[in-house]
Amino acid sequence: MRQLALYSIILSIVFFASGCKDTPEPPTPQPESAPVDAAPKTAAKPVEETPNPAKVATPAFFEAAFNGNMNLVESEVAAGVPVDAPDPTQKTALMLAAFNGHTNVVEMLITHGGNVNSTDEINRTALMMAASGPFSETVRLLLDKGADVNTIDSNEGWTALMFAAAEGQAENVRLLLDAGADTTAKDIDGDTAESFAAKAGHATVAKMIRDHALKQQ
C-alpha cells in the first residue's frame, strides 16, 4: 500500500514540475513612430494599479512539504501561498508532509488553517498517509486536530486503519482504534483491517484488532 502511494506522489511532483517550466515570452511589438505633423493627443489617464494576484503554489512548495523543509514551506505560506492549495492529484502540502511524518510541518500548516480532512482525487486523507508509516506522533496530532478516522478512499475502499494494519504499524493501529476506527469496514475485495494485517504476516496487529472488536460487541 505505502509503496504504491509513494510512487503516485513522486510521479505527481515530477509531472507538476515538468509542466511548470518557463516558456519564452513572444517579442513585444514596437510601436510605429507618430508622424511629425500629427495632432497632439490628450494626456492619457494614469493606469490604476491592481492588486498582485494570489501567489501560486509551485512544485517546490509541495516538494518542500514532502521532504520536511520547514523553512521553505513556512516562507511560502507567509508569502501568500494558499495552505490548502492542491497539486495535480489534489494532494495538499499537509498530506505530503504527513506521508513522511514531518509532524512539525503538519502542525505549522494546521496552525495556518490547513484542513486535516482535505481529500485527494481518490478521497485519501493526511491521516491515511501518516498511518501507513511509523509516524505515530503525526497520527496522534491529526486525530487531536479532528481528523476523520473512518474516511474511505474511493479507489479501493481503504481506511486509515487498513493502511496502518497492512504495514504492521501497531502504535498507529492502537491510536486509530482508540479514536473509534471501524474494524468491520471492508474494501472492494471484502478484506478488513484484520485480514490485511494477517495476510501481511502482522499477527500481533491482527490480534490487536480482533481483540478490540470483541470488546466492542
N, C-alpha and C. Protein backbone atom coordinates (compact mmCIF):
# COMPACT_ATOMS: atom_id res chain seq x y z
N MET A 1 0.82 -1.21 0.00
CA MET A 1 0.00 0.00 0.00
C MET A 1 0.86 1.27 0.00
N ARG A 2 1.80 1.31 0.95
CA ARG A 2 2.62 2.53 1.09
C ARG A 2 3.48 2.77 -0.14
N GLN A 3 4.05 1.71 -0.70
CA GLN A 3 4.90 1.88 -1.88
C GLN A 3 4.11 2.42 -3.06
N LEU A 4 2.87 1.95 -3.22
CA LEU A 4 2.03 2.45 -4.30
C LEU A 4 1.73 3.93 -4.11
N ALA A 5 1.44 4.31 -2.86
CA ALA A 5 1.16 5.72 -2.57
C ALA A 5 2.39 6.59 -2.83
N LEU A 6 3.55 6.09 -2.42
CA LEU A 6 4.79 6.84 -2.63
C LEU A 6 5.06 7.04 -4.11
N TYR A 7 4.88 6.00 -4.89
CA TYR A 7 5.09 6.08 -6.34
C TYR A 7 4.17 7.13 -6.96
N SER A 8 2.91 7.15 -6.52
CA SER A 8 1.94 8.11 -7.03
C SER A 8 2.35 9.54 -6.69
N ILE A 9 2.84 9.75 -5.46
CA ILE A 9 3.23 11.09 -5.02
C ILE A 9 4.43 11.60 -5.82
N ILE A 10 5.43 10.75 -5.98
CA ILE A 10 6.63 11.16 -6.72
C ILE A 10 6.29 11.48 -8.16
N LEU A 11 5.44 10.65 -8.78
CA LEU A 11 5.03 10.92 -10.17
C LEU A 11 4.31 12.25 -10.27
N SER A 12 3.47 12.55 -9.28
CA SER A 12 2.72 13.79 -9.29
C SER A 12 3.64 14.99 -9.22
N ILE A 13 4.63 14.95 -8.31
CA ILE A 13 5.56 16.07 -8.15
C ILE A 13 6.39 16.27 -9.42
N VAL A 14 6.89 15.17 -9.99
CA VAL A 14 7.70 15.25 -11.21
C VAL A 14 6.87 15.80 -12.36
N PHE A 15 5.64 15.29 -12.50
CA PHE A 15 4.76 15.74 -13.59
C PHE A 15 4.44 17.22 -13.44
N PHE A 16 4.16 17.64 -12.21
CA PHE A 16 3.83 19.04 -11.94
C PHE A 16 5.01 19.93 -12.28
N ALA A 17 6.20 19.49 -11.87
CA ALA A 17 7.41 20.29 -12.13
C ALA A 17 7.66 20.43 -13.62
N SER A 18 7.47 19.34 -14.36
CA SER A 18 7.73 19.38 -15.81
C SER A 18 6.74 20.28 -16.53
N GLY A 19 5.55 20.40 -15.96
CA GLY A 19 4.53 21.24 -16.58
C GLY A 19 4.65 22.70 -16.24
N CYS A 20 5.56 23.03 -15.33
CA CYS A 20 5.71 24.42 -14.88
C CYS A 20 6.98 25.08 -15.39
N LYS A 21 7.63 24.46 -16.38
CA LYS A 21 8.84 25.08 -16.92
C LYS A 21 8.46 26.36 -17.66
N ASP A 22 9.34 27.34 -17.52
CA ASP A 22 9.06 28.63 -18.16
C ASP A 22 9.08 28.49 -19.68
N THR A 23 8.17 29.17 -20.34
CA THR A 23 8.17 29.23 -21.80
C THR A 23 8.54 30.64 -22.20
N PRO A 24 9.32 30.78 -23.29
CA PRO A 24 9.77 32.13 -23.68
C PRO A 24 8.60 33.03 -24.04
N GLU A 25 8.70 34.28 -23.63
CA GLU A 25 7.68 35.26 -23.96
C GLU A 25 7.83 35.68 -25.41
N PRO A 26 6.72 35.87 -26.16
CA PRO A 26 6.83 36.35 -27.53
C PRO A 26 7.35 37.78 -27.54
N PRO A 27 8.08 38.16 -28.58
CA PRO A 27 8.61 39.52 -28.63
C PRO A 27 7.50 40.55 -28.61
N THR A 28 7.75 41.63 -27.88
CA THR A 28 6.75 42.71 -27.80
C THR A 28 6.84 43.59 -29.03
N PRO A 29 5.72 43.74 -29.76
CA PRO A 29 5.77 44.58 -30.96
C PRO A 29 6.13 46.02 -30.60
N GLN A 30 7.01 46.61 -31.41
CA GLN A 30 7.41 48.00 -31.18
C GLN A 30 6.43 48.95 -31.84
N PRO A 31 5.98 50.01 -31.14
CA PRO A 31 5.02 50.96 -31.74
C PRO A 31 5.66 51.76 -32.87
N GLU A 32 4.84 52.03 -33.90
CA GLU A 32 5.35 52.83 -35.01
C GLU A 32 5.49 54.28 -34.56
N SER A 33 6.47 54.98 -35.16
CA SER A 33 6.69 56.39 -34.82
C SER A 33 5.52 57.22 -35.33
N ALA A 34 5.07 58.17 -34.56
CA ALA A 34 3.96 59.05 -34.96
C ALA A 34 4.45 60.05 -36.00
N PRO A 35 3.60 60.40 -36.98
CA PRO A 35 4.01 61.41 -37.97
C PRO A 35 4.35 62.73 -37.28
N VAL A 36 5.26 63.49 -37.89
CA VAL A 36 5.71 64.73 -37.29
C VAL A 36 4.57 65.71 -37.11
N ASP A 37 3.62 65.75 -38.11
CA ASP A 37 2.56 66.74 -38.04
C ASP A 37 1.30 66.20 -37.38
N ALA A 38 1.46 65.09 -36.66
CA ALA A 38 0.28 64.52 -36.01
C ALA A 38 -0.24 65.47 -34.94
N ALA A 39 -1.56 65.48 -34.77
CA ALA A 39 -2.17 66.36 -33.77
C ALA A 39 -1.82 65.85 -32.38
N PRO A 40 -1.58 66.76 -31.46
CA PRO A 40 -1.24 66.33 -30.10
C PRO A 40 -2.41 65.55 -29.48
N LYS A 41 -2.07 64.51 -28.77
CA LYS A 41 -3.09 63.67 -28.15
C LYS A 41 -3.36 64.14 -26.72
N THR A 42 -4.61 63.87 -26.31
CA THR A 42 -4.98 64.20 -24.94
C THR A 42 -4.18 63.31 -23.99
N ALA A 43 -3.70 63.87 -22.91
CA ALA A 43 -2.90 63.10 -21.95
C ALA A 43 -3.69 61.90 -21.45
N ALA A 44 -3.05 60.76 -21.47
CA ALA A 44 -3.71 59.52 -21.03
C ALA A 44 -3.92 59.54 -19.53
N LYS A 45 -5.01 58.92 -19.12
CA LYS A 45 -5.28 58.82 -17.69
C LYS A 45 -4.29 57.86 -17.04
N PRO A 46 -3.86 58.17 -15.86
CA PRO A 46 -2.92 57.25 -15.19
C PRO A 46 -3.56 55.89 -14.98
N VAL A 47 -2.75 54.86 -15.21
CA VAL A 47 -3.24 53.50 -15.05
C VAL A 47 -3.31 53.16 -13.57
N GLU A 48 -4.49 52.70 -13.16
CA GLU A 48 -4.64 52.34 -11.77
C GLU A 48 -3.97 51.01 -11.49
N GLU A 49 -3.24 50.95 -10.39
CA GLU A 49 -2.57 49.72 -10.02
C GLU A 49 -3.58 48.71 -9.50
N THR A 50 -3.43 47.47 -9.94
CA THR A 50 -4.30 46.40 -9.47
C THR A 50 -3.53 45.55 -8.48
N PRO A 51 -4.22 44.96 -7.53
CA PRO A 51 -3.52 44.13 -6.54
C PRO A 51 -2.82 42.96 -7.21
N ASN A 52 -1.70 42.56 -6.65
CA ASN A 52 -0.99 41.39 -7.18
C ASN A 52 -1.87 40.16 -7.03
N PRO A 53 -1.87 39.28 -8.04
CA PRO A 53 -2.66 38.06 -7.91
C PRO A 53 -2.12 37.19 -6.79
N ALA A 54 -2.97 36.30 -6.28
CA ALA A 54 -2.55 35.41 -5.19
C ALA A 54 -1.35 34.59 -5.62
N LYS A 55 -0.43 34.38 -4.71
CA LYS A 55 0.77 33.61 -5.01
C LYS A 55 0.38 32.17 -5.28
N VAL A 56 0.97 31.62 -6.33
CA VAL A 56 0.61 30.27 -6.76
C VAL A 56 1.54 29.25 -6.11
N ALA A 57 0.96 28.12 -5.71
CA ALA A 57 1.77 27.02 -5.16
C ALA A 57 2.57 26.38 -6.28
N THR A 58 3.86 26.25 -6.10
CA THR A 58 4.75 25.68 -7.11
C THR A 58 5.15 24.26 -6.72
N PRO A 59 5.73 23.51 -7.65
CA PRO A 59 6.23 22.18 -7.30
C PRO A 59 7.21 22.22 -6.13
N ALA A 60 7.99 23.30 -6.03
CA ALA A 60 8.96 23.42 -4.94
C ALA A 60 8.27 23.46 -3.58
N PHE A 61 7.09 24.06 -3.53
CA PHE A 61 6.33 24.13 -2.29
C PHE A 61 5.90 22.73 -1.84
N PHE A 62 5.37 21.96 -2.76
CA PHE A 62 4.92 20.60 -2.43
C PHE A 62 6.11 19.68 -2.11
N GLU A 63 7.18 19.84 -2.85
CA GLU A 63 8.37 19.03 -2.61
C GLU A 63 8.96 19.35 -1.23
N ALA A 64 8.93 20.63 -0.86
CA ALA A 64 9.46 21.03 0.45
C ALA A 64 8.63 20.40 1.57
N ALA A 65 7.31 20.37 1.40
CA ALA A 65 6.45 19.74 2.41
C ALA A 65 6.74 18.25 2.49
N PHE A 66 6.90 17.61 1.36
CA PHE A 66 7.17 16.18 1.29
C PHE A 66 8.50 15.84 1.97
N ASN A 67 9.48 16.73 1.81
CA ASN A 67 10.81 16.49 2.37
C ASN A 67 11.00 17.09 3.77
N GLY A 68 10.00 17.77 4.28
CA GLY A 68 10.10 18.34 5.63
C GLY A 68 10.92 19.60 5.72
N ASN A 69 11.00 20.35 4.62
CA ASN A 69 11.75 21.61 4.62
C ASN A 69 10.88 22.71 5.23
N MET A 70 10.92 22.78 6.55
CA MET A 70 10.07 23.68 7.31
C MET A 70 10.25 25.14 6.89
N ASN A 71 11.48 25.58 6.74
CA ASN A 71 11.75 26.99 6.43
C ASN A 71 11.12 27.40 5.11
N LEU A 72 11.26 26.56 4.08
CA LEU A 72 10.70 26.91 2.77
C LEU A 72 9.18 26.88 2.79
N VAL A 73 8.60 25.86 3.41
CA VAL A 73 7.14 25.78 3.47
C VAL A 73 6.58 26.99 4.21
N GLU A 74 7.18 27.32 5.33
CA GLU A 74 6.69 28.44 6.14
C GLU A 74 6.84 29.76 5.40
N SER A 75 7.95 29.94 4.70
CA SER A 75 8.16 31.20 3.98
C SER A 75 7.18 31.33 2.81
N GLU A 76 6.86 30.21 2.16
CA GLU A 76 5.89 30.24 1.07
C GLU A 76 4.49 30.59 1.58
N VAL A 77 4.12 30.01 2.70
CA VAL A 77 2.81 30.32 3.30
C VAL A 77 2.76 31.79 3.71
N ALA A 78 3.85 32.27 4.30
CA ALA A 78 3.92 33.68 4.72
C ALA A 78 3.84 34.61 3.51
N ALA A 79 4.34 34.14 2.36
CA ALA A 79 4.32 34.96 1.15
C ALA A 79 2.97 34.93 0.44
N GLY A 80 2.05 34.10 0.94
CA GLY A 80 0.71 34.11 0.36
C GLY A 80 0.26 32.87 -0.35
N VAL A 81 1.08 31.81 -0.36
CA VAL A 81 0.63 30.56 -0.98
C VAL A 81 -0.52 29.99 -0.16
N PRO A 82 -1.65 29.68 -0.79
CA PRO A 82 -2.78 29.10 -0.04
C PRO A 82 -2.37 27.79 0.63
N VAL A 83 -2.64 27.67 1.92
CA VAL A 83 -2.21 26.50 2.68
C VAL A 83 -2.76 25.21 2.09
N ASP A 84 -4.00 25.23 1.63
CA ASP A 84 -4.64 24.03 1.11
C ASP A 84 -4.62 23.95 -0.41
N ALA A 85 -3.69 24.65 -1.04
CA ALA A 85 -3.57 24.56 -2.49
C ALA A 85 -3.31 23.10 -2.88
N PRO A 86 -4.02 22.58 -3.89
CA PRO A 86 -3.82 21.19 -4.28
C PRO A 86 -2.79 21.03 -5.39
N ASP A 87 -2.11 19.88 -5.41
CA ASP A 87 -1.23 19.56 -6.53
C ASP A 87 -2.10 18.91 -7.62
N PRO A 88 -1.53 18.44 -8.73
CA PRO A 88 -2.36 17.89 -9.81
C PRO A 88 -3.21 16.69 -9.41
N THR A 89 -2.86 16.00 -8.32
CA THR A 89 -3.68 14.87 -7.86
C THR A 89 -4.52 15.26 -6.65
N GLN A 90 -4.66 16.57 -6.43
CA GLN A 90 -5.47 17.13 -5.35
C GLN A 90 -4.89 16.89 -3.95
N LYS A 91 -3.61 16.50 -3.89
CA LYS A 91 -2.97 16.38 -2.58
C LYS A 91 -2.51 17.76 -2.12
N THR A 92 -2.63 18.00 -0.82
CA THR A 92 -2.17 19.26 -0.26
C THR A 92 -0.79 19.07 0.37
N ALA A 93 -0.15 20.18 0.69
CA ALA A 93 1.15 20.12 1.35
C ALA A 93 1.04 19.38 2.67
N LEU A 94 -0.09 19.56 3.36
CA LEU A 94 -0.30 18.90 4.64
C LEU A 94 -0.28 17.37 4.46
N MET A 95 -0.93 16.89 3.42
CA MET A 95 -0.93 15.44 3.14
C MET A 95 0.48 14.92 2.86
N LEU A 96 1.22 15.67 2.06
CA LEU A 96 2.57 15.23 1.69
C LEU A 96 3.50 15.23 2.90
N ALA A 97 3.37 16.22 3.75
CA ALA A 97 4.18 16.27 4.97
C ALA A 97 3.81 15.11 5.89
N ALA A 98 2.51 14.81 5.98
CA ALA A 98 2.04 13.71 6.83
C ALA A 98 2.56 12.36 6.33
N PHE A 99 2.64 12.20 5.02
CA PHE A 99 3.09 10.94 4.45
C PHE A 99 4.48 10.55 4.95
N ASN A 100 5.33 11.56 5.13
CA ASN A 100 6.69 11.30 5.60
C ASN A 100 6.88 11.61 7.08
N GLY A 101 5.79 11.84 7.80
CA GLY A 101 5.89 12.02 9.24
C GLY A 101 6.57 13.30 9.69
N HIS A 102 6.44 14.37 8.91
CA HIS A 102 7.03 15.66 9.30
C HIS A 102 6.02 16.40 10.17
N THR A 103 5.95 15.98 11.42
CA THR A 103 4.91 16.48 12.33
C THR A 103 4.99 17.99 12.50
N ASN A 104 6.21 18.53 12.57
CA ASN A 104 6.35 19.98 12.76
C ASN A 104 5.76 20.76 11.59
N VAL A 105 5.96 20.26 10.37
CA VAL A 105 5.40 20.92 9.19
C VAL A 105 3.88 20.78 9.18
N VAL A 106 3.40 19.59 9.51
CA VAL A 106 1.95 19.36 9.58
C VAL A 106 1.31 20.32 10.58
N GLU A 107 1.92 20.45 11.74
CA GLU A 107 1.37 21.33 12.78
C GLU A 107 1.37 22.78 12.35
N MET A 108 2.44 23.21 11.71
CA MET A 108 2.52 24.59 11.23
C MET A 108 1.43 24.87 10.20
N LEU A 109 1.21 23.92 9.28
CA LEU A 109 0.19 24.11 8.26
C LEU A 109 -1.20 24.14 8.87
N ILE A 110 -1.44 23.31 9.87
CA ILE A 110 -2.74 23.33 10.56
C ILE A 110 -2.94 24.66 11.27
N THR A 111 -1.86 25.17 11.90
CA THR A 111 -1.93 26.45 12.60
C THR A 111 -2.31 27.58 11.65
N HIS A 112 -1.89 27.45 10.39
CA HIS A 112 -2.19 28.47 9.39
C HIS A 112 -3.49 28.17 8.63
N GLY A 113 -4.29 27.25 9.16
CA GLY A 113 -5.60 27.00 8.57
C GLY A 113 -5.72 25.77 7.70
N GLY A 114 -4.68 24.93 7.66
CA GLY A 114 -4.73 23.72 6.85
C GLY A 114 -5.85 22.78 7.31
N ASN A 115 -6.57 22.23 6.35
CA ASN A 115 -7.71 21.35 6.64
C ASN A 115 -7.22 19.91 6.79
N VAL A 116 -7.35 19.34 7.99
CA VAL A 116 -6.86 17.98 8.23
C VAL A 116 -7.70 16.94 7.50
N ASN A 117 -8.88 17.32 7.03
CA ASN A 117 -9.76 16.37 6.35
C ASN A 117 -9.87 16.61 4.85
N SER A 118 -8.94 17.39 4.29
CA SER A 118 -8.90 17.53 2.83
C SER A 118 -8.65 16.15 2.22
N THR A 119 -9.21 15.94 1.03
CA THR A 119 -9.02 14.66 0.35
C THR A 119 -8.43 14.87 -1.04
N ASP A 120 -7.68 13.87 -1.50
CA ASP A 120 -7.11 13.97 -2.84
C ASP A 120 -8.11 13.43 -3.86
N GLU A 121 -7.66 13.17 -5.08
CA GLU A 121 -8.58 12.80 -6.15
C GLU A 121 -9.22 11.43 -5.93
N ILE A 122 -8.68 10.61 -5.04
CA ILE A 122 -9.32 9.32 -4.74
C ILE A 122 -9.75 9.25 -3.27
N ASN A 123 -10.00 10.43 -2.70
CA ASN A 123 -10.56 10.57 -1.35
C ASN A 123 -9.64 10.08 -0.24
N ARG A 124 -8.33 10.15 -0.46
CA ARG A 124 -7.39 9.79 0.60
C ARG A 124 -7.02 11.04 1.40
N THR A 125 -6.75 10.82 2.67
CA THR A 125 -6.51 11.93 3.60
C THR A 125 -5.10 11.90 4.17
N ALA A 126 -4.75 12.97 4.85
CA ALA A 126 -3.46 13.04 5.53
C ALA A 126 -3.34 11.94 6.57
N LEU A 127 -4.45 11.61 7.25
CA LEU A 127 -4.40 10.56 8.26
C LEU A 127 -4.07 9.21 7.65
N MET A 128 -4.63 8.90 6.51
CA MET A 128 -4.31 7.65 5.82
C MET A 128 -2.83 7.59 5.49
N MET A 129 -2.31 8.71 5.02
CA MET A 129 -0.91 8.74 4.59
C MET A 129 0.04 8.60 5.77
N ALA A 130 -0.26 9.27 6.87
CA ALA A 130 0.59 9.15 8.05
C ALA A 130 0.48 7.77 8.68
N ALA A 131 -0.73 7.19 8.66
CA ALA A 131 -0.96 5.90 9.30
C ALA A 131 -0.19 4.77 8.65
N SER A 132 0.17 4.92 7.40
CA SER A 132 0.87 3.84 6.69
C SER A 132 2.34 3.75 7.07
N GLY A 133 2.87 4.77 7.74
CA GLY A 133 4.29 4.77 8.12
C GLY A 133 4.47 4.78 9.63
N PRO A 134 5.71 4.71 10.08
CA PRO A 134 5.99 4.68 11.53
C PRO A 134 5.92 6.08 12.15
N PHE A 135 4.76 6.71 12.00
CA PHE A 135 4.65 8.11 12.38
C PHE A 135 3.50 8.32 13.36
N SER A 136 3.60 7.68 14.50
CA SER A 136 2.51 7.76 15.48
C SER A 136 2.33 9.18 16.01
N GLU A 137 3.40 9.95 16.08
CA GLU A 137 3.28 11.33 16.55
C GLU A 137 2.42 12.15 15.60
N THR A 138 2.62 11.93 14.30
CA THR A 138 1.82 12.64 13.30
C THR A 138 0.37 12.18 13.35
N VAL A 139 0.18 10.87 13.47
CA VAL A 139 -1.17 10.32 13.57
C VAL A 139 -1.90 10.91 14.78
N ARG A 140 -1.21 10.96 15.90
CA ARG A 140 -1.82 11.50 17.14
C ARG A 140 -2.21 12.96 16.95
N LEU A 141 -1.32 13.75 16.33
CA LEU A 141 -1.62 15.16 16.11
C LEU A 141 -2.85 15.32 15.22
N LEU A 142 -2.91 14.57 14.14
CA LEU A 142 -4.04 14.68 13.22
C LEU A 142 -5.35 14.31 13.91
N LEU A 143 -5.31 13.26 14.70
CA LEU A 143 -6.52 12.85 15.43
C LEU A 143 -6.92 13.93 16.44
N ASP A 144 -5.94 14.49 17.14
CA ASP A 144 -6.21 15.55 18.11
C ASP A 144 -6.82 16.78 17.45
N LYS A 145 -6.46 17.00 16.17
CA LYS A 145 -6.96 18.17 15.44
C LYS A 145 -8.25 17.89 14.67
N GLY A 146 -8.83 16.70 14.90
CA GLY A 146 -10.15 16.44 14.32
C GLY A 146 -10.17 15.63 13.04
N ALA A 147 -9.10 14.91 12.73
CA ALA A 147 -9.10 14.08 11.51
C ALA A 147 -10.16 13.00 11.61
N ASP A 148 -10.89 12.80 10.52
CA ASP A 148 -11.94 11.77 10.47
C ASP A 148 -11.27 10.40 10.35
N VAL A 149 -11.48 9.56 11.36
CA VAL A 149 -10.79 8.28 11.42
C VAL A 149 -11.38 7.25 10.46
N ASN A 150 -12.58 7.47 9.98
CA ASN A 150 -13.25 6.45 9.16
C ASN A 150 -13.52 6.87 7.71
N THR A 151 -12.79 7.86 7.21
CA THR A 151 -12.90 8.20 5.80
C THR A 151 -12.48 7.00 4.96
N ILE A 152 -13.20 6.77 3.87
CA ILE A 152 -12.93 5.63 2.98
C ILE A 152 -12.47 6.14 1.63
N ASP A 153 -11.36 5.61 1.12
CA ASP A 153 -10.90 6.06 -0.20
C ASP A 153 -11.84 5.51 -1.29
N SER A 154 -11.94 6.26 -2.38
CA SER A 154 -12.90 5.92 -3.43
C SER A 154 -12.32 4.98 -4.48
N ASN A 155 -11.08 4.57 -4.32
CA ASN A 155 -10.43 3.71 -5.30
C ASN A 155 -10.51 2.24 -4.89
N GLU A 156 -10.07 1.95 -3.65
CA GLU A 156 -10.03 0.57 -3.17
C GLU A 156 -10.93 0.32 -1.96
N GLY A 157 -11.50 1.41 -1.43
CA GLY A 157 -12.32 1.27 -0.23
C GLY A 157 -11.50 1.11 1.03
N TRP A 158 -10.27 1.65 1.04
CA TRP A 158 -9.39 1.52 2.19
C TRP A 158 -9.65 2.63 3.22
N THR A 159 -9.37 2.31 4.47
CA THR A 159 -9.46 3.27 5.56
C THR A 159 -8.06 3.46 6.16
N ALA A 160 -7.94 4.45 7.04
CA ALA A 160 -6.66 4.67 7.71
C ALA A 160 -6.23 3.43 8.49
N LEU A 161 -7.20 2.76 9.12
CA LEU A 161 -6.88 1.55 9.88
C LEU A 161 -6.33 0.45 8.97
N MET A 162 -6.86 0.33 7.79
CA MET A 162 -6.36 -0.67 6.84
C MET A 162 -4.92 -0.35 6.42
N PHE A 163 -4.65 0.94 6.17
CA PHE A 163 -3.29 1.33 5.81
C PHE A 163 -2.31 0.97 6.92
N ALA A 164 -2.68 1.29 8.15
CA ALA A 164 -1.80 1.01 9.29
C ALA A 164 -1.63 -0.48 9.50
N ALA A 165 -2.73 -1.24 9.41
CA ALA A 165 -2.68 -2.68 9.64
C ALA A 165 -1.86 -3.40 8.58
N ALA A 166 -2.03 -3.01 7.33
CA ALA A 166 -1.30 -3.66 6.24
C ALA A 166 0.20 -3.47 6.37
N GLU A 167 0.61 -2.35 6.97
CA GLU A 167 2.04 -2.07 7.13
C GLU A 167 2.56 -2.50 8.49
N GLY A 168 1.69 -3.07 9.32
CA GLY A 168 2.13 -3.54 10.64
C GLY A 168 2.47 -2.44 11.62
N GLN A 169 1.84 -1.28 11.46
CA GLN A 169 2.12 -0.14 12.33
C GLN A 169 1.27 -0.24 13.59
N ALA A 170 1.75 -1.01 14.56
CA ALA A 170 0.96 -1.35 15.75
C ALA A 170 0.52 -0.12 16.55
N GLU A 171 1.42 0.84 16.77
CA GLU A 171 1.05 2.02 17.56
C GLU A 171 0.00 2.85 16.84
N ASN A 172 0.12 2.95 15.52
CA ASN A 172 -0.90 3.68 14.76
C ASN A 172 -2.25 2.97 14.84
N VAL A 173 -2.21 1.64 14.77
CA VAL A 173 -3.43 0.86 14.89
C VAL A 173 -4.10 1.12 16.24
N ARG A 174 -3.30 1.14 17.30
CA ARG A 174 -3.85 1.39 18.64
C ARG A 174 -4.49 2.76 18.72
N LEU A 175 -3.80 3.77 18.19
CA LEU A 175 -4.33 5.14 18.22
C LEU A 175 -5.64 5.23 17.44
N LEU A 176 -5.69 4.59 16.30
CA LEU A 176 -6.88 4.64 15.46
C LEU A 176 -8.04 3.90 16.10
N LEU A 177 -7.76 2.75 16.71
CA LEU A 177 -8.81 2.01 17.41
C LEU A 177 -9.37 2.82 18.57
N ASP A 178 -8.48 3.46 19.32
CA ASP A 178 -8.91 4.29 20.45
C ASP A 178 -9.75 5.48 19.98
N ALA A 179 -9.51 5.89 18.74
CA ALA A 179 -10.24 7.04 18.20
C ALA A 179 -11.56 6.63 17.53
N GLY A 180 -11.86 5.33 17.57
CA GLY A 180 -13.14 4.88 17.03
C GLY A 180 -13.09 4.31 15.63
N ALA A 181 -11.93 3.85 15.17
CA ALA A 181 -11.83 3.26 13.84
C ALA A 181 -12.74 2.04 13.72
N ASP A 182 -13.40 1.93 12.58
CA ASP A 182 -14.34 0.84 12.32
C ASP A 182 -13.59 -0.43 11.92
N THR A 183 -13.63 -1.45 12.77
CA THR A 183 -12.92 -2.70 12.49
C THR A 183 -13.69 -3.59 11.52
N THR A 184 -14.94 -3.25 11.26
CA THR A 184 -15.76 -4.10 10.37
C THR A 184 -15.75 -3.62 8.92
N ALA A 185 -15.17 -2.44 8.67
CA ALA A 185 -15.15 -1.91 7.31
C ALA A 185 -14.42 -2.86 6.36
N LYS A 186 -14.97 -3.02 5.14
CA LYS A 186 -14.36 -3.90 4.15
C LYS A 186 -14.03 -3.12 2.88
N ASP A 187 -12.93 -3.50 2.23
CA ASP A 187 -12.57 -2.85 0.98
C ASP A 187 -13.33 -3.51 -0.17
N ILE A 188 -13.01 -3.13 -1.39
CA ILE A 188 -13.76 -3.64 -2.55
C ILE A 188 -13.58 -5.14 -2.75
N ASP A 189 -12.53 -5.71 -2.14
CA ASP A 189 -12.30 -7.16 -2.24
C ASP A 189 -12.83 -7.92 -1.03
N GLY A 190 -13.46 -7.21 -0.12
CA GLY A 190 -14.02 -7.85 1.06
C GLY A 190 -13.04 -8.03 2.21
N ASP A 191 -11.86 -7.41 2.10
CA ASP A 191 -10.87 -7.50 3.18
C ASP A 191 -11.13 -6.46 4.25
N THR A 192 -10.84 -6.82 5.50
CA THR A 192 -10.91 -5.90 6.63
C THR A 192 -9.49 -5.54 7.06
N ALA A 193 -9.38 -4.62 8.00
CA ALA A 193 -8.06 -4.27 8.52
C ALA A 193 -7.38 -5.48 9.14
N GLU A 194 -8.17 -6.30 9.84
CA GLU A 194 -7.61 -7.50 10.46
C GLU A 194 -7.06 -8.47 9.42
N SER A 195 -7.81 -8.67 8.34
CA SER A 195 -7.33 -9.60 7.32
C SER A 195 -6.12 -9.04 6.57
N PHE A 196 -6.07 -7.70 6.41
CA PHE A 196 -4.88 -7.09 5.81
C PHE A 196 -3.64 -7.41 6.64
N ALA A 197 -3.78 -7.22 7.95
CA ALA A 197 -2.65 -7.48 8.85
C ALA A 197 -2.24 -8.95 8.81
N ALA A 198 -3.23 -9.84 8.85
CA ALA A 198 -2.94 -11.27 8.84
C ALA A 198 -2.25 -11.70 7.55
N LYS A 199 -2.74 -11.23 6.42
CA LYS A 199 -2.16 -11.60 5.12
C LYS A 199 -0.74 -11.08 4.97
N ALA A 200 -0.45 -9.95 5.62
CA ALA A 200 0.89 -9.36 5.53
C ALA A 200 1.84 -9.94 6.58
N GLY A 201 1.34 -10.87 7.38
CA GLY A 201 2.20 -11.51 8.38
C GLY A 201 2.33 -10.74 9.68
N HIS A 202 1.45 -9.79 9.93
CA HIS A 202 1.50 -8.99 11.16
C HIS A 202 0.50 -9.57 12.16
N ALA A 203 0.83 -10.73 12.71
CA ALA A 203 -0.09 -11.47 13.57
C ALA A 203 -0.47 -10.68 14.83
N THR A 204 0.50 -9.98 15.41
CA THR A 204 0.22 -9.21 16.63
C THR A 204 -0.80 -8.11 16.37
N VAL A 205 -0.64 -7.44 15.23
CA VAL A 205 -1.58 -6.37 14.86
C VAL A 205 -2.96 -6.95 14.59
N ALA A 206 -3.01 -8.07 13.88
CA ALA A 206 -4.29 -8.71 13.59
C ALA A 206 -5.01 -9.08 14.89
N LYS A 207 -4.26 -9.61 15.86
CA LYS A 207 -4.86 -9.97 17.15
C LYS A 207 -5.34 -8.74 17.90
N MET A 208 -4.58 -7.66 17.81
CA MET A 208 -4.97 -6.41 18.47
C MET A 208 -6.32 -5.93 17.94
N ILE A 209 -6.49 -5.99 16.64
CA ILE A 209 -7.75 -5.54 16.03
C ILE A 209 -8.88 -6.49 16.41
N ARG A 210 -8.61 -7.78 16.37
CA ARG A 210 -9.63 -8.78 16.71
C ARG A 210 -10.08 -8.63 18.16
N ASP A 211 -9.12 -8.46 19.06
CA ASP A 211 -9.46 -8.31 20.48
C ASP A 211 -10.26 -7.05 20.73
N HIS A 212 -9.90 -5.98 20.04
CA HIS A 212 -10.64 -4.72 20.20
C HIS A 212 -12.07 -4.90 19.71
N ALA A 213 -12.23 -5.57 18.58
CA ALA A 213 -13.56 -5.78 18.02
C ALA A 213 -14.43 -6.59 18.98
N LEU A 214 -13.84 -7.60 19.60
CA LEU A 214 -14.59 -8.43 20.53
C LEU A 214 -15.06 -7.63 21.75
N LYS A 215 -14.22 -6.69 22.20
CA LYS A 215 -14.60 -5.86 23.35
C LYS A 215 -15.75 -4.93 23.01
N GLN A 216 -15.87 -4.59 21.72
CA GLN A 216 -16.92 -3.67 21.31
C GLN A 216 -18.27 -4.35 21.14
N GLN A 217 -18.27 -5.69 21.14
CA GLN A 217 -19.52 -6.42 20.93
C GLN A 217 -20.38 -6.44 22.19
